[in-house]
Amino acid sequence: VRLVESGGGLVQAGGSLRLSCAASRSIFSVNVM
């Protein structure tokens, strides 16, 4: 399975970010991530 992370960046203290992780095929339904 290929995992691709995105959403990082430079943020000031107190700020927010949302990271995403996409999998190349269906594997989530039975795995702890």
Full PDB file with SEQRES, HELIX, SHEET, SSBOND, CRYST1, ORIGX, SCALE, CONECT and MASTER records, all heavy atoms in Angstrom:
SEQRES   1 A   33  VAL ARG LEU VAL GLU SER GLY GLY GLY LEU VAL GLN ALA          
SEQRES   2 A   33  GLY GLY SER LEU ARG LEU SER CYS ALA ALA SER ARG SER          
SEQRES   3 A   33  ILE PHE SER VAL ASN VAL MET                                  
HELIX    1 AA1 PHE A   28  VAL A   30  5                                   3    
SHEET    1 AA1 2 LEU A   3  SER A   6  0                                        
SHEET    2 AA1 2 SER A  20  ALA A  23 -1                                        
CRYST1    1.000    1.000    1.000  90.00  90.00  90.00 P 1           1          
ORIGX1      1.000000  0.000000  0.000000        0.00000                         
ORIGX2      0.000000  1.000000  0.000000        0.00000                         
ORIGX3      0.000000  0.000000  1.000000        0.00000                         
SCALE1      1.000000  0.000000  0.000000        0.00000                         
SCALE2      0.000000  1.000000  0.000000        0.00000                         
SCALE3      0.000000  0.000000  1.000000        0.00000                         
ATOM      1  N   VAL A   1       0.843  -1.184   0.000  1.00  0.00           N  
ATOM      2  CA  VAL A   1       0.000   0.000   0.000  1.00  0.00           C  
ATOM      3  C   VAL A   1       0.883   1.240   0.000  1.00  0.00           C  
ATOM      4  O   VAL A   1       1.864   1.317   0.735  1.00  0.00           O  
ATOM      5  CB  VAL A   1      -0.909   0.014   1.237  1.00  0.00           C  
ATOM      6  CG1 VAL A   1      -1.703   1.315   1.298  1.00  0.00           C  
ATOM      7  CG2 VAL A   1      -1.832  -1.185   1.219  1.00  0.00           C  
ATOM      8  N   ARG A   2       0.525   2.191  -0.846  1.00  0.00           N  
ATOM      9  CA  ARG A   2       1.254   3.455  -0.873  1.00  0.00           C  
ATOM     10  C   ARG A   2       0.451   4.491  -0.091  1.00  0.00           C  
ATOM     11  O   ARG A   2      -0.753   4.665  -0.315  1.00  0.00           O  
ATOM     12  CB  ARG A   2       1.445   3.913  -2.309  1.00  0.00           C  
ATOM     13  CG  ARG A   2       2.249   5.180  -2.463  1.00  0.00           C  
ATOM     14  CD  ARG A   2       2.649   5.395  -3.927  1.00  0.00           C  
ATOM     15  NE  ARG A   2       3.296   6.672  -4.119  1.00  0.00           N  
ATOM     16  CZ  ARG A   2       2.756   7.704  -4.753  1.00  0.00           C  
ATOM     17  NH1 ARG A   2       1.532   7.587  -5.264  1.00  0.00           N  
ATOM     18  NH2 ARG A   2       3.407   8.830  -4.894  1.00  0.00           N  
ATOM     19  N   LEU A   3       1.120   5.182   0.829  1.00  0.00           N  
ATOM     20  CA  LEU A   3       0.496   6.206   1.654  1.00  0.00           C  
ATOM     21  C   LEU A   3       1.093   7.553   1.294  1.00  0.00           C  
ATOM     22  O   LEU A   3       2.319   7.707   1.267  1.00  0.00           O  
ATOM     23  CB  LEU A   3       0.723   5.895   3.136  1.00  0.00           C  
ATOM     24  CG  LEU A   3       0.155   4.558   3.618  1.00  0.00           C  
ATOM     25  CD1 LEU A   3       0.715   4.193   4.988  1.00  0.00           C  
ATOM     26  CD2 LEU A   3      -1.373   4.612   3.678  1.00  0.00           C  
ATOM     27  N   VAL A   4       0.246   8.539   1.034  1.00  0.00           N  
ATOM     28  CA  VAL A   4       0.699   9.865   0.629  1.00  0.00           C  
ATOM     29  C   VAL A   4       0.119  10.900   1.579  1.00  0.00           C  
ATOM     30  O   VAL A   4      -1.108  11.057   1.663  1.00  0.00           O  
ATOM     31  CB  VAL A   4       0.279  10.180  -0.821  1.00  0.00           C  
ATOM     32  CG1 VAL A   4       0.760  11.577  -1.209  1.00  0.00           C  
ATOM     33  CG2 VAL A   4       0.835   9.129  -1.775  1.00  0.00           C  
ATOM     34  N   GLU A   5       1.005  11.596   2.270  1.00  0.00           N  
ATOM     35  CA  GLU A   5       0.606  12.617   3.217  1.00  0.00           C  
ATOM     36  C   GLU A   5       0.649  13.999   2.563  1.00  0.00           C  
ATOM     37  O   GLU A   5       1.479  14.246   1.690  1.00  0.00           O  
ATOM     38  CB  GLU A   5       1.538  12.623   4.437  1.00  0.00           C  
ATOM     39  CG  GLU A   5       1.630  11.307   5.173  1.00  0.00           C  
ATOM     40  CD  GLU A   5       2.745  10.395   4.672  1.00  0.00           C  
ATOM     41  OE1 GLU A   5       3.308  10.669   3.589  1.00  0.00           O  
ATOM     42  OE2 GLU A   5       3.059   9.411   5.366  1.00  0.00           O  
ATOM     43  N   SER A   6      -0.232  14.879   3.019  1.00  0.00           N  
ATOM     44  CA  SER A   6      -0.250  16.250   2.512  1.00  0.00           C  
ATOM     45  C   SER A   6      -0.857  17.168   3.559  1.00  0.00           C  
ATOM     46  O   SER A   6      -1.427  16.698   4.544  1.00  0.00           O  
ATOM     47  CB  SER A   6      -1.062  16.331   1.211  1.00  0.00           C  
ATOM     48  OG  SER A   6      -2.411  15.957   1.442  1.00  0.00           O  
ATOM     49  N   GLY A   7      -0.719  18.473   3.334  1.00  0.00           N  
ATOM     50  CA  GLY A   7      -1.371  19.450   4.190  1.00  0.00           C  
ATOM     51  C   GLY A   7      -0.463  20.188   5.146  1.00  0.00           C  
ATOM     52  O   GLY A   7      -0.916  21.079   5.866  1.00  0.00           O  
ATOM     53  N   GLY A   8       0.809  19.851   5.176  1.00  0.00           N  
ATOM     54  CA  GLY A   8       1.720  20.535   6.073  1.00  0.00           C  
ATOM     55  C   GLY A   8       2.014  21.947   5.619  1.00  0.00           C  
ATOM     56  O   GLY A   8       1.572  22.396   4.555  1.00  0.00           O  
ATOM     57  N   GLY A   9       2.756  22.665   6.449  1.00  0.00           N  
ATOM     58  CA  GLY A   9       3.119  24.030   6.106  1.00  0.00           C  
ATOM     59  C   GLY A   9       3.705  24.758   7.289  1.00  0.00           C  
ATOM     60  O   GLY A   9       3.980  24.167   8.331  1.00  0.00           O  
ATOM     61  N   LEU A  10       3.899  26.053   7.088  1.00  0.00           N  
ATOM     62  CA  LEU A  10       4.416  26.934   8.138  1.00  0.00           C  
ATOM     63  C   LEU A  10       3.231  27.634   8.787  1.00  0.00           C  
ATOM     64  O   LEU A  10       2.391  28.212   8.084  1.00  0.00           O  
ATOM     65  CB  LEU A  10       5.372  27.957   7.528  1.00  0.00           C  
ATOM     66  CG  LEU A  10       5.907  29.045   8.459  1.00  0.00           C  
ATOM     67  CD1 LEU A  10       6.790  28.429   9.542  1.00  0.00           C  
ATOM     68  CD2 LEU A  10       6.687  30.082   7.649  1.00  0.00           C  
ATOM     69  N   VAL A  11       3.162  27.567  10.095  1.00  0.00           N  
ATOM     70  CA  VAL A  11       2.025  28.165  10.790  1.00  0.00           C  
ATOM     71  C   VAL A  11       2.501  28.828  12.070  1.00  0.00           C  
ATOM     72  O   VAL A  11       3.426  28.325  12.730  1.00  0.00           O  
ATOM     73  CB  VAL A  11       0.947  27.099  11.088  1.00  0.00           C  
ATOM     74  CG1 VAL A  11       1.480  26.000  11.979  1.00  0.00           C  
ATOM     75  CG2 VAL A  11      -0.306  27.722  11.653  1.00  0.00           C  
ATOM     76  N   GLN A  12       1.886  29.934  12.416  1.00  0.00           N  
ATOM     77  CA  GLN A  12       2.253  30.624  13.644  1.00  0.00           C  
ATOM     78  C   GLN A  12       1.722  29.866  14.853  1.00  0.00           C  
ATOM     79  O   GLN A  12       0.735  29.129  14.765  1.00  0.00           O  
ATOM     80  CB  GLN A  12       1.682  32.046  13.639  1.00  0.00           C  
ATOM     81  CG  GLN A  12       2.386  32.976  12.684  1.00  0.00           C  
ATOM     82  CD  GLN A  12       1.940  34.415  12.850  1.00  0.00           C  
ATOM     83  OE1 GLN A  12       0.805  34.681  13.238  1.00  0.00           O  
ATOM     84  NE2 GLN A  12       2.823  35.353  12.556  1.00  0.00           N  
ATOM     85  N   ALA A  13       2.366  30.065  15.980  1.00  0.00           N  
ATOM     86  CA  ALA A  13       1.903  29.450  17.215  1.00  0.00           C  
ATOM     87  C   ALA A  13       0.441  29.816  17.442  1.00  0.00           C  
ATOM     88  O   ALA A  13       0.040  30.965  17.272  1.00  0.00           O  
ATOM     89  CB  ALA A  13       2.757  29.900  18.383  1.00  0.00           C  
ATOM     90  N   GLY A  14      -0.332  28.783  17.801  1.00  0.00           N  
ATOM     91  CA  GLY A  14      -1.756  28.989  18.007  1.00  0.00           C  
ATOM     92  C   GLY A  14      -2.607  28.728  16.778  1.00  0.00           C  
ATOM     93  O   GLY A  14      -3.836  28.701  16.864  1.00  0.00           O  
ATOM     94  N   GLY A  15      -1.956  28.538  15.667  1.00  0.00           N  
ATOM     95  CA  GLY A  15      -2.674  28.307  14.416  1.00  0.00           C  
ATOM     96  C   GLY A  15      -3.112  26.863  14.243  1.00  0.00           C  
ATOM     97  O   GLY A  15      -2.898  26.017  15.123  1.00  0.00           O  
ATOM     98  N   SER A  16      -3.712  26.584  13.087  1.00  0.00           N  
ATOM     99  CA  SER A  16      -4.251  25.250  12.805  1.00  0.00           C  
ATOM    100  C   SER A  16      -3.809  24.761  11.436  1.00  0.00           C  
ATOM    101  O   SER A  16      -3.554  25.560  10.526  1.00  0.00           O  
ATOM    102  CB  SER A  16      -5.788  25.287  12.843  1.00  0.00           C  
ATOM    103  OG  SER A  16      -6.261  25.632  14.117  1.00  0.00           O  
ATOM    104  N   LEU A  17      -3.734  23.452  11.322  1.00  0.00           N  
ATOM    105  CA  LEU A  17      -3.489  22.788  10.048  1.00  0.00           C  
ATOM    106  C   LEU A  17      -4.297  21.503  10.026  1.00  0.00           C  
ATOM    107  O   LEU A  17      -4.564  20.911  11.080  1.00  0.00           O  
ATOM    108  CB  LEU A  17      -2.010  22.441   9.860  1.00  0.00           C  
ATOM    109  CG  LEU A  17      -1.037  23.525   9.461  1.00  0.00           C  
ATOM    110  CD1 LEU A  17       0.389  22.972   9.479  1.00  0.00           C  
ATOM    111  CD2 LEU A  17      -1.362  24.101   8.088  1.00  0.00           C  
ATOM    112  N   ARG A  18      -4.638  21.068   8.828  1.00  0.00           N  
ATOM    113  CA  ARG A  18      -5.298  19.779   8.674  1.00  0.00           C  
ATOM    114  C   ARG A  18      -4.462  18.924   7.721  1.00  0.00           C  
ATOM    115  O   ARG A  18      -4.282  19.283   6.560  1.00  0.00           O  
ATOM    116  CB  ARG A  18      -6.704  19.927   8.113  1.00  0.00           C  
ATOM    117  CG  ARG A  18      -7.492  18.601   8.125  1.00  0.00           C  
ATOM    118  CD  ARG A  18      -8.756  18.715   7.317  1.00  0.00           C  
ATOM    119  NE  ARG A  18      -9.675  17.616   7.569  1.00  0.00           N  
ATOM    120  CZ  ARG A  18     -10.539  17.163   6.666  1.00  0.00           C  
ATOM    121  NH1 ARG A  18     -10.603  17.723   5.473  1.00  0.00           N  
ATOM    122  NH2 ARG A  18     -11.353  16.166   6.972  1.00  0.00           N  
ATOM    123  N   LEU A  19      -3.955  17.817   8.251  1.00  0.00           N  
ATOM    124  CA  LEU A  19      -3.169  16.896   7.445  1.00  0.00           C  
ATOM    125  C   LEU A  19      -4.072  15.824   6.869  1.00  0.00           C  
ATOM    126  O   LEU A  19      -5.042  15.398   7.500  1.00  0.00           O  
ATOM    127  CB  LEU A  19      -2.072  16.243   8.280  1.00  0.00           C  
ATOM    128  CG  LEU A  19      -1.139  17.186   9.042  1.00  0.00           C  
ATOM    129  CD1 LEU A  19      -0.050  16.384   9.757  1.00  0.00           C  
ATOM    130  CD2 LEU A  19      -0.538  18.224   8.137  1.00  0.00           C  
ATOM    131  N   SER A  20      -3.725  15.376   5.667  1.00  0.00           N  
ATOM    132  CA  SER A  20      -4.474  14.311   5.011  1.00  0.00           C  
ATOM    133  C   SER A  20      -3.535  13.179   4.622  1.00  0.00           C  
ATOM    134  O   SER A  20      -2.370  13.407   4.309  1.00  0.00           O  
ATOM    135  CB  SER A  20      -5.170  14.838   3.746  1.00  0.00           C  
ATOM    136  OG  SER A  20      -6.099  15.851   4.058  1.00  0.00           O  
ATOM    137  N   CYS A  21      -4.066  11.980   4.614  1.00  0.00           N  
ATOM    138  CA  CYS A  21      -3.298  10.805   4.200  1.00  0.00           C  
ATOM    139  C   CYS A  21      -4.180   9.984   3.278  1.00  0.00           C  
ATOM    140  O   CYS A  21      -5.287   9.576   3.665  1.00  0.00           O  
ATOM    141  CB  CYS A  21      -2.884   9.989   5.409  1.00  0.00           C  
ATOM    142  SG  CYS A  21      -2.134   8.395   5.021  1.00  0.00           S  
ATOM    143  N   ALA A  22      -3.694   9.743   2.083  1.00  0.00           N  
ATOM    144  CA  ALA A  22      -4.427   8.967   1.092  1.00  0.00           C  
ATOM    145  C   ALA A  22      -3.734   7.632   0.870  1.00  0.00           C  
ATOM    146  O   ALA A  22      -2.507   7.583   0.728  1.00  0.00           O  
ATOM    147  CB  ALA A  22      -4.508   9.735  -0.220  1.00  0.00           C  
ATOM    148  N   ALA A  23      -4.523   6.568   0.825  1.00  0.00           N  
ATOM    149  CA  ALA A  23      -3.981   5.234   0.577  1.00  0.00           C  
ATOM    150  C   ALA A  23      -4.260   4.827  -0.859  1.00  0.00           C  
ATOM    151  O   ALA A  23      -5.276   5.205  -1.439  1.00  0.00           O  
ATOM    152  CB  ALA A  23      -4.595   4.223   1.523  1.00  0.00           C  
ATOM    153  N   SER A  24      -3.357   4.008  -1.400  1.00  0.00           N  
ATOM    154  CA  SER A  24      -3.477   3.610  -2.797  1.00  0.00           C  
ATOM    155  C   SER A  24      -4.555   2.573  -3.029  1.00  0.00           C  
ATOM    156  O   SER A  24      -4.960   2.343  -4.150  1.00  0.00           O  
ATOM    157  CB  SER A  24      -2.134   3.085  -3.318  1.00  0.00           C  
ATOM    158  OG  SER A  24      -1.709   1.983  -2.522  1.00  0.00           O  
ATOM    159  N   ARG A  25      -4.992   1.915  -1.999  1.00  0.00           N  
ATOM    160  CA  ARG A  25      -6.081   0.966  -2.134  1.00  0.00           C  
ATOM    161  C   ARG A  25      -6.793   0.816  -0.812  1.00  0.00           C  
ATOM    162  O   ARG A  25      -6.332   1.302   0.210  1.00  0.00           O  
ATOM    163  CB  ARG A  25      -5.569  -0.392  -2.627  1.00  0.00           C  
ATOM    164  CG  ARG A  25      -4.569  -1.087  -1.722  1.00  0.00           C  
ATOM    165  CD  ARG A  25      -4.161  -2.430  -2.294  1.00  0.00           C  
ATOM    166  NE  ARG A  25      -3.112  -3.076  -1.510  1.00  0.00           N  
ATOM    167  CZ  ARG A  25      -3.344  -3.864  -0.484  1.00  0.00           C  
ATOM    168  NH1 ARG A  25      -4.581  -4.091  -0.094  1.00  0.00           N  
ATOM    169  NH2 ARG A  25      -2.331  -4.427   0.169  1.00  0.00           N  
ATOM    170  N   SER A  26      -7.904   0.160  -0.853  1.00  0.00           N  
ATOM    171  CA  SER A  26      -8.734   0.054   0.336  1.00  0.00           C  
ATOM    172  C   SER A  26      -8.091  -0.849   1.369  1.00  0.00           C  
ATOM    173  O   SER A  26      -7.943  -2.048   1.143  1.00  0.00           O  
ATOM    174  CB  SER A  26     -10.114  -0.499  -0.038  1.00  0.00           C  
ATOM    175  OG  SER A  26     -10.894  -0.669   1.118  1.00  0.00           O  
ATOM    176  N   ILE A  27      -7.692  -0.260   2.483  1.00  0.00           N  
ATOM    177  CA  ILE A  27      -7.064  -1.040   3.541  1.00  0.00           C  
ATOM    178  C   ILE A  27      -7.519  -0.562   4.909  1.00  0.00           C  
ATOM    179  O   ILE A  27      -7.247  -1.196   5.911  1.00  0.00           O  
ATOM    180  CB  ILE A  27      -5.526  -0.930   3.475  1.00  0.00           C  
ATOM    181  CG1 ILE A  27      -5.084   0.531   3.280  1.00  0.00           C  
ATOM    182  CG2 ILE A  27      -4.968  -1.801   2.370  1.00  0.00           C  
ATOM    183  CD1 ILE A  27      -4.961   1.343   4.518  1.00  0.00           C  
ATOM    184  N   PHE A  28      -8.211   0.558   4.938  1.00  0.00           N  
ATOM    185  CA  PHE A  28      -8.488   1.162   6.226  1.00  0.00           C  
ATOM    186  C   PHE A  28      -9.525   0.415   7.048  1.00  0.00           C  
ATOM    187  O   PHE A  28      -9.486   0.459   8.258  1.00  0.00           O  
ATOM    188  CB  PHE A  28      -8.957   2.606   6.041  1.00  0.00           C  
ATOM    189  CG  PHE A  28      -7.877   3.532   5.586  1.00  0.00           C  
ATOM    190  CD1 PHE A  28      -8.190   4.729   4.989  1.00  0.00           C  
ATOM    191  CD2 PHE A  28      -6.545   3.212   5.764  1.00  0.00           C  
ATOM    192  CE1 PHE A  28      -7.203   5.595   4.572  1.00  0.00           C  
ATOM    193  CE2 PHE A  28      -5.540   4.074   5.352  1.00  0.00           C  
ATOM    194  CZ  PHE A  28      -5.884   5.274   4.752  1.00  0.00           C  
ATOM    195  N   SER A  29     -10.440  -0.225   6.361  1.00  0.00           N  
ATOM    196  CA  SER A  29     -11.597  -0.739   7.079  1.00  0.00           C  
ATOM    197  C   SER A  29     -11.243  -1.775   8.132  1.00  0.00           C  
ATOM    198  O   SER A  29     -12.023  -2.007   9.047  1.00  0.00           O  
ATOM    199  CB  SER A  29     -12.604  -1.327   6.087  1.00  0.00           C  
ATOM    200  OG  SER A  29     -12.039  -2.427   5.409  1.00  0.00           O  
ATOM    201  N   VAL A  30     -10.074  -2.408   8.022  1.00  0.00           N  
ATOM    202  CA  VAL A  30      -9.716  -3.454   8.979  1.00  0.00           C  
ATOM    203  C   VAL A  30      -8.429  -3.139   9.724  1.00  0.00           C  
ATOM    204  O   VAL A  30      -7.897  -4.007  10.416  1.00  0.00           O  
ATOM    205  CB  VAL A  30      -9.589  -4.813   8.275  1.00  0.00           C  
ATOM    206  CG1 VAL A  30     -10.932  -5.252   7.730  1.00  0.00           C  
ATOM    207  CG2 VAL A  30      -8.534  -4.779   7.176  1.00  0.00           C  
ATOM    208  N   ASN A  31      -7.893  -1.941   9.572  1.00  0.00           N  
ATOM    209  CA  ASN A  31      -6.605  -1.623  10.175  1.00  0.00           C  
ATOM    210  C   ASN A  31      -6.672  -0.406  11.091  1.00  0.00           C  
ATOM    211  O   ASN A  31      -7.384   0.554  10.809  1.00  0.00           O  
ATOM    212  CB  ASN A  31      -5.566  -1.329   9.082  1.00  0.00           C  
ATOM    213  CG  ASN A  31      -5.094  -2.592   8.403  1.00  0.00           C  
ATOM    214  OD1 ASN A  31      -4.265  -3.331   8.922  1.00  0.00           O  
ATOM    215  ND2 ASN A  31      -5.646  -2.852   7.230  1.00  0.00           N  
ATOM    216  N   VAL A  32      -5.911  -0.486  12.174  1.00  0.00           N  
ATOM    217  CA  VAL A  32      -5.686   0.696  12.990  1.00  0.00           C  
ATOM    218  C   VAL A  32      -4.706   1.583  12.240  1.00  0.00           C  
ATOM    219  O   VAL A  32      -3.688   1.111  11.738  1.00  0.00           O  
ATOM    220  CB  VAL A  32      -5.106   0.319  14.369  1.00  0.00           C  
ATOM    221  CG1 VAL A  32      -4.827   1.576  15.194  1.00  0.00           C  
ATOM    222  CG2 VAL A  32      -6.052  -0.615  15.102  1.00  0.00           C  
ATOM    223  N   MET A  33      -5.022   2.852  12.130  1.00  0.00           N  
ATOM    224  CA  MET A  33      -4.164   3.807  11.433  1.00  0.00           C  
ATOM    225  C   MET A  33      -3.673   4.865  12.411  1.00  0.00           C  
ATOM    226  O   MET A  33      -4.361   5.203  13.381  1.00  0.00           O  
ATOM    227  CB  MET A  33      -4.924   4.474  10.291  1.00  0.00           C  
ATOM    228  CG  MET A  33      -5.390   3.523   9.214  1.00  0.00           C  
ATOM    229  SD  MET A  33      -4.044   2.642   8.398  1.00  0.00           S  
ATOM    230  CE  MET A  33      -3.085   3.976   7.713  1.00  0.00           C  
TER     231      MET A  33                                                      
MASTER        0    0    0    1    2    0    0    6  230    1    0    3          
END                                                                             
